[in-house]
Structure formats: structure tokens, C-alpha cells
Amino acid sequence: MKIDVKEAAEFLRENNDYLILMHTSPDGDTLGCGTALCGALQRLGKNAKAVCPDEIPHKFDYLFEAFEKQDFEPKTVVCVDVADTKLLGDMKNVGDTAKLCIDHHVSNVEYAERTLLEPESGAACEIIYYVIKELGVPIDKAIANSLYTGMATDTGCFKFSNTTPRTHRIAAEMIELGADFMHINYTMFDMKTQGRIKLEHLALESIRYYANGHIAVIFAPYSMISGIEGIDSDDIGALASMPRQIQGVDVGICIKEKKKDVFKVSIRSTERIDCSKIAQKFGGGGHERASGCSFYAGTIEDIAKKVVEASEKACREAGII
């Protein structure tokens, strides 16, 4: 059932021993949500730990430094920024027992017993902010860092169309409360490893254009990814935004082979295309301007053909081609 912020806070006060699940290929929003909520619950005297099925990139280490590592048997599963338990990888079965989900994806399938869903929020961390306020937990520097990270990353450093005046107001409050915004912005948006530079170079060499340049696709096969030392999932995930940055491109597609026969397709679009509808054709979803889907069979060429055809159809329906 759907609930509001007040009901979510009441649920969190009444229960204990929380396992907070964050999605695979973790981004700043799911990690910011998980660590902020974990910190708030610990400050209420609750047992809480935030867990991700995938390895967390080291650049996010600062999010976990101020929170206690607790040893207990979890009883209450909460998912944050997770639209579907398919996004929990090996922990899907655990996610299927979720008592609460806090999310902002319009594609959320409402798998949890209780769902706090606000698609109008620029980031799920905006919703976590209001839950923490309702819990009456003072937001310290550590929680402010987590919330700011989630909002900054999910809005592309406040550049994307999902950014709202409310997003800016909450971010400003986090800065006032001590969020290290200069470090966070540099780490999230400017800093690159040598491995990432090499990966971006190789990916750009693979680019192909379709529909008179309105669609661009880059390819990152496993042979490319595995051949570069010093890169992590965040470096690989950053490839998603590259095709859409090209002038004239309305749909940018990045196809990454995470391991043999496991492909992640990331789709980014302009305001003229709802790319979540493209992703939904292949069992995925997400936001109107940023979505994705996965394939577990076929070749990278076959997958590209299918996604490009769906994208061309979307462009025709929008009157772009």
C-alpha cells in the first residue's frame, strides 16, 4: 500500500533491527539514501545497517565513515531508491520481504508492503530528508553529506530537468548544516582516474549514429572493460551520459557488458523523448530522461539493433525523424 512521509516515520519508530537495501550498480542517490537513513535510525537508538549487493566504488567511502557498524540479526527490510527487486541482484529474495520502500521512480512496481513514492522528487534523498525531519532527528554533517550527495548526483549537479526549486532549497540547507559540497562536487563530477580516461577514450571510438544523428550508441564490451586496470563500477556507469552530451542527439544509448552474457543498457534523452518507455519495452524502467534495462542473452550487436529500433520508433512518434 502507498503511504506518506508521516506514516513512513511512524513505521520506522515502531520497528527495529533494520536492513536497508541499496540497488546494484550503486549511484550517489541510493547510497546517500541508505547511509542517511541508517545514520538517522542509529541516532534514534535503533539497530540499522545499509547494504548493497554490489561492491561500492571507493569514492563513496566518506558516506560510511561516520556511521556505526552494528552486528545484529535483521528483522525489518527497507529498500531505498529501488524501483523493483530485480535491481537487487543476488539479494532479490531479501528485497521481496521488504516492509517499506522509499523511492521516486515512476516505474516502481510497489513490491514492498508499504511504499512511499514521490515521482516529483528530483532524488530519493529529498524524500529521505522529509522522513528524517518527521522522525525528529537533527541533521548533522554526516547525514547532510549523504543527502547532498544523493541530490547532486541524481540531478547531474542540479543541471537535469528533474531539478526543482525544492531540490535547491534542501541542498542549500545541507550546505548550511555542514555538507562538504566542494569536495563532493569535485569527487562526483570532476575527478577521473587514468583508467576512466582510457575507458572513455575507447568507448568514444566505438560510437555509432542513427536516425540522422538523433540517436547515438556507444559500446563497452567485457573485453574492453576487463582490459583496463584501476576502474570500478562507477567509472563504467559514467559512460551512460556520454552519447547524450553530443549536440543534436535526442537519445543516447550506452551498452555495457558487465560479464559474459549480462548486458546493461543505459538510455538518456532530451525533453522530447520519454526514454523510460523505451526501457520498459525490455523489462526496464527509470525516469523520463534517464532509464535502463538489462539483457541476459544475445550479442551486443543484437541488443543494439533492438534498442535502436525502439528508439527510432520513439523519435518518429515525437516527430523528430
C-alpha atoms as a PDB file:
ATOM      1  CA  MET A   1       0.000   0.000   0.000  1.00  0.00           C
ATOM      2  CA  LYS A   2       1.069   3.576  -0.591  1.00  0.00           C
ATOM      3  CA  ILE A   3       1.855   5.701   2.455  1.00  0.00           C
ATOM      4  CA  ASP A   4       3.001   9.253   3.140  1.00  0.00           C
ATOM      5  CA  VAL A   5       6.024  10.666   4.957  1.00  0.00           C
ATOM      6  CA  LYS A   6       4.295  10.762   8.326  1.00  0.00           C
ATOM      7  CA  GLU A   7       3.206   7.121   8.063  1.00  0.00           C
ATOM      8  CA  ALA A   8       6.716   6.070   6.998  1.00  0.00           C
ATOM      9  CA  ALA A   9       8.205   7.817  10.026  1.00  0.00           C
ATOM     10  CA  GLU A  10       5.669   6.160  12.325  1.00  0.00           C
ATOM     11  CA  PHE A  11       6.591   2.757  10.912  1.00  0.00           C
ATOM     12  CA  LEU A  12      10.299   3.420  11.410  1.00  0.00           C
ATOM     13  CA  ARG A  13       9.736   4.497  15.042  1.00  0.00           C
ATOM     14  CA  GLU A  14       7.712   1.391  15.831  1.00  0.00           C
ATOM     15  CA  ASN A  15      10.157  -1.192  14.475  1.00  0.00           C
ATOM     16  CA  ASN A  16      13.840  -2.067  14.838  1.00  0.00           C
ATOM     17  CA  ASP A  17      16.761  -4.131  13.503  1.00  0.00           C
ATOM     18  CA  TYR A  18      16.786  -2.537  10.058  1.00  0.00           C
ATOM     19  CA  LEU A  19      18.447  -3.876   6.942  1.00  0.00           C
ATOM     20  CA  ILE A  20      18.469  -1.038   4.404  1.00  0.00           C
ATOM     21  CA  LEU A  21      18.972  -2.282   0.849  1.00  0.00           C
ATOM     22  CA  MET A  22      20.503  -0.187  -1.937  1.00  0.00           C
ATOM     23  CA  HIS A  23      20.385  -1.183  -5.602  1.00  0.00           C
ATOM     24  CA  THR A  24      23.074  -2.824  -7.717  1.00  0.00           C
ATOM     25  CA  SER A  25      25.464  -0.613  -9.702  1.00  0.00           C
ATOM     26  CA  PRO A  26      25.065   1.861  -6.842  1.00  0.00           C
ATOM     27  CA  ASP A  27      24.839   5.568  -7.547  1.00  0.00           C
ATOM     28  CA  GLY A  28      25.011   8.546  -5.231  1.00  0.00           C
ATOM     29  CA  ASP A  29      21.261   8.638  -4.627  1.00  0.00           C
ATOM     30  CA  THR A  30      20.790   5.078  -3.411  1.00  0.00           C
ATOM     31  CA  LEU A  31      23.989   5.306  -1.323  1.00  0.00           C
ATOM     32  CA  GLY A  32      23.028   8.712   0.035  1.00  0.00           C
ATOM     33  CA  CYS A  33      19.567   7.418   0.972  1.00  0.00           C
ATOM     34  CA  GLY A  34      20.926   4.292   2.602  1.00  0.00           C
ATOM     35  CA  THR A  35      23.584   5.978   4.694  1.00  0.00           C
ATOM     36  CA  ALA A  36      21.420   8.969   5.684  1.00  0.00           C
ATOM     37  CA  LEU A  37      18.535   6.762   6.814  1.00  0.00           C
ATOM     38  CA  CYS A  38      20.916   4.368   8.561  1.00  0.00           C
ATOM     39  CA  GLY A  39      22.527   7.253  10.443  1.00  0.00           C
ATOM     40  CA  ALA A  40      19.172   8.725  11.443  1.00  0.00           C
ATOM     41  CA  LEU A  41      17.885   5.388  12.756  1.00  0.00           C
ATOM     42  CA  GLN A  42      21.086   4.786  14.722  1.00  0.00           C
ATOM     43  CA  ARG A  43      20.725   8.217  16.287  1.00  0.00           C
ATOM     44  CA  LEU A  44      17.253   7.123  17.443  1.00  0.00           C
ATOM     45  CA  GLY A  45      18.884   4.184  19.209  1.00  0.00           C
ATOM     46  CA  LYS A  46      17.842   1.656  16.563  1.00  0.00           C
ATOM     47  CA  ASN A  47      19.921  -1.117  15.058  1.00  0.00           C
ATOM     48  CA  ALA A  48      20.471  -0.357  11.391  1.00  0.00           C
ATOM     49  CA  LYS A  49      22.864  -1.210   8.581  1.00  0.00           C
ATOM     50  CA  ALA A  50      22.899  -0.242   4.915  1.00  0.00           C
ATOM     51  CA  VAL A  51      23.895  -2.946   2.443  1.00  0.00           C
ATOM     52  CA  CYS A  52      24.492  -3.007  -1.309  1.00  0.00           C
ATOM     53  CA  PRO A  53      24.612  -6.228  -3.385  1.00  0.00           C
ATOM     54  CA  ASP A  54      27.497  -4.825  -5.465  1.00  0.00           C
ATOM     55  CA  GLU A  55      30.885  -3.512  -4.489  1.00  0.00           C
ATOM     56  CA  ILE A  56      30.691   0.186  -3.653  1.00  0.00           C
ATOM     57  CA  PRO A  57      33.150   2.469  -5.512  1.00  0.00           C
ATOM     58  CA  HIS A  58      35.817   3.863  -3.193  1.00  0.00           C
ATOM     59  CA  LYS A  59      34.938   7.455  -3.989  1.00  0.00           C
ATOM     60  CA  PHE A  60      31.822   6.968  -1.847  1.00  0.00           C
ATOM     61  CA  ASP A  61      33.789   5.789   1.213  1.00  0.00           C
ATOM     62  CA  TYR A  62      33.186   9.085   3.008  1.00  0.00           C
ATOM     63  CA  LEU A  63      29.456   8.304   3.208  1.00  0.00           C
ATOM     64  CA  PHE A  64      30.091   5.406   5.587  1.00  0.00           C
ATOM     65  CA  GLU A  65      32.782   6.848   7.851  1.00  0.00           C
ATOM     66  CA  ALA A  66      30.517   8.434  10.463  1.00  0.00           C
ATOM     67  CA  PHE A  67      28.088   5.561  10.963  1.00  0.00           C
ATOM     68  CA  GLU A  68      28.465   2.699  13.418  1.00  0.00           C
ATOM     69  CA  LYS A  69      28.977  -0.851  12.138  1.00  0.00           C
ATOM     70  CA  GLN A  70      26.436  -2.861  14.101  1.00  0.00           C
ATOM     71  CA  ASP A  71      26.182  -6.634  14.483  1.00  0.00           C
ATOM     72  CA  PHE A  72      22.600  -7.864  14.802  1.00  0.00           C
ATOM     73  CA  GLU A  73      20.048 -10.135  13.135  1.00  0.00           C
ATOM     74  CA  PRO A  74      17.945  -8.017  10.748  1.00  0.00           C
ATOM     75  CA  LYS A  75      14.185  -8.158  11.143  1.00  0.00           C
ATOM     76  CA  THR A  76      12.901  -5.252   9.077  1.00  0.00           C
ATOM     77  CA  VAL A  77      13.919  -4.795   5.440  1.00  0.00           C
ATOM     78  CA  VAL A  78      13.730  -1.319   3.924  1.00  0.00           C
ATOM     79  CA  CYS A  79      14.624  -0.575   0.287  1.00  0.00           C
ATOM     80  CA  VAL A  80      15.727   2.893  -0.815  1.00  0.00           C
ATOM     81  CA  ASP A  81      15.778   4.181  -4.411  1.00  0.00           C
ATOM     82  CA  VAL A  82      14.906   0.647  -5.595  1.00  0.00           C
ATOM     83  CA  ALA A  83      12.029   0.526  -8.094  1.00  0.00           C
ATOM     84  CA  ASP A  84      11.989  -3.263  -8.453  1.00  0.00           C
ATOM     85  CA  THR A  85      13.629  -6.127  -6.567  1.00  0.00           C
ATOM     86  CA  LYS A  86      15.236  -7.151  -9.861  1.00  0.00           C
ATOM     87  CA  LEU A  87      17.613  -4.258  -9.151  1.00  0.00           C
ATOM     88  CA  LEU A  88      18.893  -6.042  -6.036  1.00  0.00           C
ATOM     89  CA  GLY A  89      20.791  -8.769  -7.877  1.00  0.00           C
ATOM     90  CA  ASP A  90      21.703 -11.629  -5.560  1.00  0.00           C
ATOM     91  CA  MET A  91      19.675 -10.016  -2.765  1.00  0.00           C
ATOM     92  CA  LYS A  92      16.395 -10.051  -4.683  1.00  0.00           C
ATOM     93  CA  ASN A  93      14.886 -12.646  -2.352  1.00  0.00           C
ATOM     94  CA  VAL A  94      15.668 -10.435   0.621  1.00  0.00           C
ATOM     95  CA  GLY A  95      14.118  -7.467  -1.141  1.00  0.00           C
ATOM     96  CA  ASP A  96      10.967  -9.478  -1.747  1.00  0.00           C
ATOM     97  CA  THR A  97      10.389  -9.392   2.035  1.00  0.00           C
ATOM     98  CA  ALA A  98      10.627  -5.593   2.230  1.00  0.00           C
ATOM     99  CA  LYS A  99       8.320  -3.917   4.714  1.00  0.00           C
ATOM    100  CA  LEU A 100       8.988  -0.427   3.349  1.00  0.00           C
ATOM    101  CA  CYS A 101      10.254   1.096   0.111  1.00  0.00           C
ATOM    102  CA  ILE A 102      11.155   4.768  -0.252  1.00  0.00           C
ATOM    103  CA  ASP A 103      11.571   5.756  -3.883  1.00  0.00           C
ATOM    104  CA  HIS A 104      10.989   8.377  -6.577  1.00  0.00           C
ATOM    105  CA  HIS A 105      10.905   6.245  -9.733  1.00  0.00           C
ATOM    106  CA  VAL A 106       7.616   6.359 -11.618  1.00  0.00           C
ATOM    107  CA  SER A 107       8.376   2.766 -12.685  1.00  0.00           C
ATOM    108  CA  ASN A 108       8.219   1.471  -9.085  1.00  0.00           C
ATOM    109  CA  VAL A 109       6.253  -1.793  -9.058  1.00  0.00           C
ATOM    110  CA  GLU A 110       5.145  -1.456  -5.402  1.00  0.00           C
ATOM    111  CA  TYR A 111       6.700  -4.737  -4.282  1.00  0.00           C
ATOM    112  CA  ALA A 112       7.037  -3.705  -0.618  1.00  0.00           C
ATOM    113  CA  GLU A 113       4.269  -3.914   1.983  1.00  0.00           C
ATOM    114  CA  ARG A 114       4.442  -0.115   2.251  1.00  0.00           C
ATOM    115  CA  THR A 115       5.608   2.254  -0.481  1.00  0.00           C
ATOM    116  CA  LEU A 116       6.488   5.907  -0.001  1.00  0.00           C
ATOM    117  CA  LEU A 117       6.667   7.069  -3.605  1.00  0.00           C
ATOM    118  CA  GLU A 118       7.158  10.655  -4.798  1.00  0.00           C
ATOM    119  CA  PRO A 119       7.998  10.717  -8.543  1.00  0.00           C
ATOM    120  CA  GLU A 120       8.098  14.508  -8.476  1.00  0.00           C
ATOM    121  CA  SER A 121      11.203  14.442  -6.268  1.00  0.00           C
ATOM    122  CA  GLY A 122      14.451  15.110  -8.084  1.00  0.00           C
ATOM    123  CA  ALA A 123      16.161  12.452  -5.965  1.00  0.00           C
ATOM    124  CA  ALA A 124      15.028   9.849  -3.464  1.00  0.00           C
ATOM    125  CA  CYS A 125      17.238  11.660  -0.949  1.00  0.00           C
ATOM    126  CA  GLU A 126      14.721  14.514  -0.989  1.00  0.00           C
ATOM    127  CA  ILE A 127      12.107  12.113   0.404  1.00  0.00           C
ATOM    128  CA  ILE A 128      14.565  10.725   2.970  1.00  0.00           C
ATOM    129  CA  TYR A 129      15.176  14.309   4.095  1.00  0.00           C
ATOM    130  CA  TYR A 130      11.494  14.751   4.969  1.00  0.00           C
ATOM    131  CA  VAL A 131      11.337  11.351   6.675  1.00  0.00           C
ATOM    132  CA  ILE A 132      14.321  12.264   8.863  1.00  0.00           C
ATOM    133  CA  LYS A 133      12.725  15.606   9.702  1.00  0.00           C
ATOM    134  CA  GLU A 134       9.491  13.815  10.641  1.00  0.00           C
ATOM    135  CA  LEU A 135      11.496  11.450  12.855  1.00  0.00           C
ATOM    136  CA  GLY A 136      12.820  14.493  14.687  1.00  0.00           C
ATOM    137  CA  VAL A 137      16.466  13.548  14.146  1.00  0.00           C
ATOM    138  CA  PRO A 138      18.830  16.554  13.905  1.00  0.00           C
ATOM    139  CA  ILE A 139      20.719  16.510  10.616  1.00  0.00           C
ATOM    140  CA  ASP A 140      24.441  16.585  11.336  1.00  0.00           C
ATOM    141  CA  LYS A 141      27.311  16.936   8.880  1.00  0.00           C
ATOM    142  CA  ALA A 142      27.450  13.214   8.051  1.00  0.00           C
ATOM    143  CA  ILE A 143      23.748  12.987   7.206  1.00  0.00           C
ATOM    144  CA  ALA A 144      23.967  16.293   5.323  1.00  0.00           C
ATOM    145  CA  ASN A 145      26.818  14.877   3.224  1.00  0.00           C
ATOM    146  CA  SER A 146      24.706  11.837   2.360  1.00  0.00           C
ATOM    147  CA  LEU A 147      21.626  13.819   1.411  1.00  0.00           C
ATOM    148  CA  TYR A 148      23.584  16.385  -0.608  1.00  0.00           C
ATOM    149  CA  THR A 149      25.395  13.587  -2.478  1.00  0.00           C
ATOM    150  CA  GLY A 150      22.118  11.951  -3.483  1.00  0.00           C
ATOM    151  CA  MET A 151      20.549  15.153  -4.726  1.00  0.00           C
ATOM    152  CA  ALA A 152      23.643  16.392  -6.558  1.00  0.00           C
ATOM    153  CA  THR A 153      24.306  13.115  -8.370  1.00  0.00           C
ATOM    154  CA  ASP A 154      20.721  12.351  -9.395  1.00  0.00           C
ATOM    155  CA  THR A 155      20.257  15.840 -10.827  1.00  0.00           C
ATOM    156  CA  GLY A 156      23.617  15.966 -12.622  1.00  0.00           C
ATOM    157  CA  CYS A 157      24.884  18.628 -10.228  1.00  0.00           C
ATOM    158  CA  PHE A 158      21.495  20.371 -10.481  1.00  0.00           C
ATOM    159  CA  LYS A 159      21.559  20.517 -14.300  1.00  0.00           C
ATOM    160  CA  PHE A 160      18.911  17.920 -15.195  1.00  0.00           C
ATOM    161  CA  SER A 161      15.232  18.671 -15.743  1.00  0.00           C
ATOM    162  CA  ASN A 162      14.279  16.793 -12.555  1.00  0.00           C
ATOM    163  CA  THR A 163      15.857  19.612 -10.523  1.00  0.00           C
ATOM    164  CA  THR A 164      13.224  21.698  -8.743  1.00  0.00           C
ATOM    165  CA  PRO A 165      13.244  24.776  -6.509  1.00  0.00           C
ATOM    166  CA  ARG A 166      12.711  22.381  -3.587  1.00  0.00           C
ATOM    167  CA  THR A 167      15.846  20.478  -4.574  1.00  0.00           C
ATOM    168  CA  HIS A 168      17.869  23.679  -4.389  1.00  0.00           C
ATOM    169  CA  ARG A 169      16.339  24.678  -1.057  1.00  0.00           C
ATOM    170  CA  ILE A 170      17.145  21.341   0.565  1.00  0.00           C
ATOM    171  CA  ALA A 171      20.664  21.342  -0.911  1.00  0.00           C
ATOM    172  CA  ALA A 172      21.233  24.860   0.443  1.00  0.00           C
ATOM    173  CA  GLU A 173      20.130  23.709   3.890  1.00  0.00           C
ATOM    174  CA  MET A 174      22.555  20.786   3.710  1.00  0.00           C
ATOM    175  CA  ILE A 175      25.386  23.232   2.955  1.00  0.00           C
ATOM    176  CA  GLU A 176      24.314  25.344   5.936  1.00  0.00           C
ATOM    177  CA  LEU A 177      24.414  22.201   8.088  1.00  0.00           C
ATOM    178  CA  GLY A 178      27.994  21.440   7.078  1.00  0.00           C
ATOM    179  CA  ALA A 179      27.845  19.343   3.896  1.00  0.00           C
ATOM    180  CA  ASP A 180      31.279  19.405   2.263  1.00  0.00           C
ATOM    181  CA  PHE A 181      29.815  20.395  -1.093  1.00  0.00           C
ATOM    182  CA  MET A 182      33.119  21.407  -2.720  1.00  0.00           C
ATOM    183  CA  HIS A 183      34.697  18.006  -2.023  1.00  0.00           C
ATOM    184  CA  ILE A 184      31.522  16.166  -3.040  1.00  0.00           C
ATOM    185  CA  ASN A 185      31.126  18.064  -6.309  1.00  0.00           C
ATOM    186  CA  TYR A 186      34.775  17.610  -7.258  1.00  0.00           C
ATOM    187  CA  THR A 187      34.738  13.905  -6.397  1.00  0.00           C
ATOM    188  CA  MET A 188      31.440  13.195  -8.147  1.00  0.00           C
ATOM    189  CA  PHE A 189      31.759  15.344 -11.273  1.00  0.00           C
ATOM    190  CA  ASP A 190      35.352  16.385 -11.982  1.00  0.00           C
ATOM    191  CA  MET A 191      37.778  13.771 -10.653  1.00  0.00           C
ATOM    192  CA  LYS A 192      38.721  10.957 -13.041  1.00  0.00           C
ATOM    193  CA  THR A 193      41.219   8.123 -12.733  1.00  0.00           C
ATOM    194  CA  GLN A 194      43.641   7.344 -15.529  1.00  0.00           C
ATOM    195  CA  GLY A 195      41.719   4.125 -16.092  1.00  0.00           C
ATOM    196  CA  ARG A 196      38.498   6.026 -16.570  1.00  0.00           C
ATOM    197  CA  ILE A 197      40.098   8.356 -19.110  1.00  0.00           C
ATOM    198  CA  LYS A 198      41.271   5.320 -21.089  1.00  0.00           C
ATOM    199  CA  LEU A 199      37.817   3.718 -20.862  1.00  0.00           C
ATOM    200  CA  GLU A 200      36.110   6.881 -22.113  1.00  0.00           C
ATOM    201  CA  HIS A 201      38.577   7.125 -24.991  1.00  0.00           C
ATOM    202  CA  LEU A 202      37.900   3.551 -26.123  1.00  0.00           C
ATOM    203  CA  ALA A 203      34.144   3.948 -25.698  1.00  0.00           C
ATOM    204  CA  LEU A 204      34.086   7.107 -27.797  1.00  0.00           C
ATOM    205  CA  GLU A 205      35.942   5.302 -30.566  1.00  0.00           C
ATOM    206  CA  SER A 206      33.036   2.824 -30.703  1.00  0.00           C
ATOM    207  CA  ILE A 207      30.293   5.421 -31.203  1.00  0.00           C
ATOM    208  CA  ARG A 208      27.699   4.973 -33.923  1.00  0.00           C
ATOM    209  CA  TYR A 209      24.951   7.340 -35.075  1.00  0.00           C
ATOM    210  CA  TYR A 210      21.453   6.533 -36.273  1.00  0.00           C
ATOM    211  CA  ALA A 211      18.358   8.471 -37.378  1.00  0.00           C
ATOM    212  CA  ASN A 212      20.380  11.271 -38.957  1.00  0.00           C
ATOM    213  CA  GLY A 213      22.357  11.796 -35.777  1.00  0.00           C
ATOM    214  CA  HIS A 214      19.401  11.937 -33.397  1.00  0.00           C
ATOM    215  CA  ILE A 215      20.441   8.619 -31.816  1.00  0.00           C
ATOM    216  CA  ALA A 216      23.963   7.789 -30.664  1.00  0.00           C
ATOM    217  CA  VAL A 217      25.218   4.480 -29.266  1.00  0.00           C
ATOM    218  CA  ILE A 218      28.470   3.635 -27.537  1.00  0.00           C
ATOM    219  CA  PHE A 219      29.623   0.103 -26.793  1.00  0.00           C
ATOM    220  CA  ALA A 220      31.573  -1.211 -23.823  1.00  0.00           C
ATOM    221  CA  PRO A 221      32.051  -4.977 -24.300  1.00  0.00           C
ATOM    222  CA  TYR A 222      33.507  -7.029 -21.489  1.00  0.00           C
ATOM    223  CA  SER A 223      36.787  -7.381 -23.381  1.00  0.00           C
ATOM    224  CA  MET A 224      37.176  -3.590 -23.259  1.00  0.00           C
ATOM    225  CA  ILE A 225      36.203  -3.221 -19.600  1.00  0.00           C
ATOM    226  CA  SER A 226      38.256  -6.155 -18.317  1.00  0.00           C
ATOM    227  CA  GLY A 227      41.346  -4.956 -20.157  1.00  0.00           C
ATOM    228  CA  ILE A 228      41.652  -1.716 -18.185  1.00  0.00           C
ATOM    229  CA  GLU A 229      43.202  -1.669 -14.725  1.00  0.00           C
ATOM    230  CA  GLY A 230      42.033   0.640 -11.985  1.00  0.00           C
ATOM    231  CA  ILE A 231      38.396   1.152 -12.980  1.00  0.00           C
ATOM    232  CA  ASP A 232      35.311   0.370 -10.920  1.00  0.00           C
ATOM    233  CA  SER A 233      31.564   0.230 -11.422  1.00  0.00           C
ATOM    234  CA  ASP A 234      31.272   3.999 -11.099  1.00  0.00           C
ATOM    235  CA  ASP A 235      33.748   4.563 -13.923  1.00  0.00           C
ATOM    236  CA  ILE A 236      31.776   2.167 -16.084  1.00  0.00           C
ATOM    237  CA  GLY A 237      28.446   3.718 -15.105  1.00  0.00           C
ATOM    238  CA  ALA A 238      29.679   7.179 -16.066  1.00  0.00           C
ATOM    239  CA  LEU A 239      29.725   6.111 -19.722  1.00  0.00           C
ATOM    240  CA  ALA A 240      25.923   6.363 -19.748  1.00  0.00           C
ATOM    241  CA  SER A 241      25.858  10.138 -20.062  1.00  0.00           C
ATOM    242  CA  MET A 242      28.424  10.459 -22.845  1.00  0.00           C
ATOM    243  CA  PRO A 243      26.331   9.853 -26.010  1.00  0.00           C
ATOM    244  CA  ARG A 244      23.626  12.289 -24.914  1.00  0.00           C
ATOM    245  CA  GLN A 245      26.239  15.052 -24.493  1.00  0.00           C
ATOM    246  CA  ILE A 246      26.718  15.195 -28.263  1.00  0.00           C
ATOM    247  CA  GLN A 247      24.984  18.094 -29.981  1.00  0.00           C
ATOM    248  CA  GLY A 248      21.879  17.037 -31.910  1.00  0.00           C
ATOM    249  CA  VAL A 249      21.470  13.708 -30.115  1.00  0.00           C
ATOM    250  CA  ASP A 250      17.987  13.154 -28.656  1.00  0.00           C
ATOM    251  CA  VAL A 251      18.544   9.576 -27.481  1.00  0.00           C
ATOM    252  CA  GLY A 252      21.921   8.468 -26.124  1.00  0.00           C
ATOM    253  CA  ILE A 253      22.435   4.749 -25.573  1.00  0.00           C
ATOM    254  CA  CYS A 254      25.293   3.007 -23.793  1.00  0.00           C
ATOM    255  CA  ILE A 255      25.561  -0.787 -23.859  1.00  0.00           C
ATOM    256  CA  LYS A 256      27.877  -2.284 -21.243  1.00  0.00           C
ATOM    257  CA  GLU A 257      28.716  -5.965 -20.901  1.00  0.00           C
ATOM    258  CA  LYS A 258      29.127  -6.380 -17.122  1.00  0.00           C
ATOM    259  CA  LYS A 259      30.140 -10.031 -17.509  1.00  0.00           C
ATOM    260  CA  LYS A 260      29.601 -12.756 -20.069  1.00  0.00           C
ATOM    261  CA  ASP A 261      26.031 -12.582 -21.412  1.00  0.00           C
ATOM    262  CA  VAL A 262      24.996  -9.905 -18.902  1.00  0.00           C
ATOM    263  CA  PHE A 263      24.358  -6.547 -20.581  1.00  0.00           C
ATOM    264  CA  LYS A 264      23.275  -3.260 -19.023  1.00  0.00           C
ATOM    265  CA  VAL A 265      21.708  -0.705 -21.361  1.00  0.00           C
ATOM    266  CA  SER A 266      21.557   2.910 -20.197  1.00  0.00           C
ATOM    267  CA  ILE A 267      19.342   5.359 -22.080  1.00  0.00           C
ATOM    268  CA  ARG A 268      19.426   9.153 -21.771  1.00  0.00           C
ATOM    269  CA  SER A 269      17.192  11.572 -23.675  1.00  0.00           C
ATOM    270  CA  THR A 270      16.183  15.159 -24.257  1.00  0.00           C
ATOM    271  CA  GLU A 271      12.843  16.586 -23.148  1.00  0.00           C
ATOM    272  CA  ARG A 272      11.368  15.452 -26.480  1.00  0.00           C
ATOM    273  CA  ILE A 273      11.641  11.740 -25.652  1.00  0.00           C
ATOM    274  CA  ASP A 274      10.464   9.724 -22.640  1.00  0.00           C
ATOM    275  CA  CYS A 275      13.225   7.140 -22.537  1.00  0.00           C
ATOM    276  CA  SER A 276      11.567   5.210 -19.689  1.00  0.00           C
ATOM    277  CA  LYS A 277       9.034   3.972 -22.267  1.00  0.00           C
ATOM    278  CA  ILE A 278      11.877   2.643 -24.397  1.00  0.00           C
ATOM    279  CA  ALA A 279      13.399   0.820 -21.420  1.00  0.00           C
ATOM    280  CA  GLN A 280      10.025  -0.610 -20.406  1.00  0.00           C
ATOM    281  CA  LYS A 281       9.796  -2.430 -23.736  1.00  0.00           C
ATOM    282  CA  PHE A 282      12.685  -4.574 -22.500  1.00  0.00           C
ATOM    283  CA  GLY A 283      11.609  -5.043 -18.889  1.00  0.00           C
ATOM    284  CA  GLY A 284      13.405  -1.994 -17.551  1.00  0.00           C
ATOM    285  CA  GLY A 285      12.379   1.459 -16.455  1.00  0.00           C
ATOM    286  CA  GLY A 286      13.508   4.578 -14.660  1.00  0.00           C
ATOM    287  CA  HIS A 287      12.950   8.270 -15.296  1.00  0.00           C
ATOM    288  CA  GLU A 288      11.731  10.132 -18.370  1.00  0.00           C
ATOM    289  CA  ARG A 289      15.241  11.401 -19.137  1.00  0.00           C
ATOM    290  CA  ALA A 290      17.345   8.590 -17.644  1.00  0.00           C
ATOM    291  CA  SER A 291      16.385   4.926 -17.777  1.00  0.00           C
ATOM    292  CA  GLY A 292      17.854   1.495 -18.276  1.00  0.00           C
ATOM    293  CA  CYS A 293      17.256  -2.177 -18.862  1.00  0.00           C
ATOM    294  CA  SER A 294      19.206  -5.440 -18.818  1.00  0.00           C
ATOM    295  CA  PHE A 295      19.692  -8.354 -21.207  1.00  0.00           C
ATOM    296  CA  TYR A 296      20.935 -11.810 -20.264  1.00  0.00           C
ATOM    297  CA  ALA A 297      21.342 -13.352 -23.697  1.00  0.00           C
ATOM    298  CA  GLY A 298      22.318 -12.404 -27.223  1.00  0.00           C
ATOM    299  CA  THR A 299      25.180 -10.402 -28.628  1.00  0.00           C
ATOM    300  CA  ILE A 300      25.950  -6.748 -28.084  1.00  0.00           C
ATOM    301  CA  GLU A 301      25.122  -6.123 -31.758  1.00  0.00           C
ATOM    302  CA  ASP A 302      21.705  -7.804 -31.483  1.00  0.00           C
ATOM    303  CA  ILE A 303      20.883  -5.801 -28.376  1.00  0.00           C
ATOM    304  CA  ALA A 304      21.923  -2.556 -30.037  1.00  0.00           C
ATOM    305  CA  LYS A 305      19.666  -3.317 -33.011  1.00  0.00           C
ATOM    306  CA  LYS A 306      16.629  -3.887 -30.770  1.00  0.00           C
ATOM    307  CA  VAL A 307      17.141  -0.784 -28.639  1.00  0.00           C
ATOM    308  CA  VAL A 308      17.905   1.435 -31.632  1.00  0.00           C
ATOM    309  CA  GLU A 309      14.744   0.253 -33.404  1.00  0.00           C
ATOM    310  CA  ALA A 310      12.662   1.098 -30.322  1.00  0.00           C
ATOM    311  CA  SER A 311      14.399   4.477 -30.082  1.00  0.00           C
ATOM    312  CA  GLU A 312      13.770   5.236 -33.751  1.00  0.00           C
ATOM    313  CA  LYS A 313      10.087   4.480 -33.223  1.00  0.00           C
ATOM    314  CA  ALA A 314      10.007   6.877 -30.266  1.00  0.00           C
ATOM    315  CA  CYS A 315      11.679   9.555 -32.376  1.00  0.00           C
ATOM    316  CA  ARG A 316       9.175   9.089 -35.200  1.00  0.00           C
ATOM    317  CA  GLU A 317       6.250   9.307 -32.784  1.00  0.00           C
ATOM    318  CA  ALA A 318       7.716  12.530 -31.373  1.00  0.00           C
ATOM    319  CA  GLY A 319       8.037  13.973 -34.863  1.00  0.00           C
ATOM    320  CA  ILE A 320      11.836  14.190 -34.637  1.00  0.00           C
ATOM    321  CA  ILE A 321      12.508  11.997 -37.700  1.00  0.00           C
END
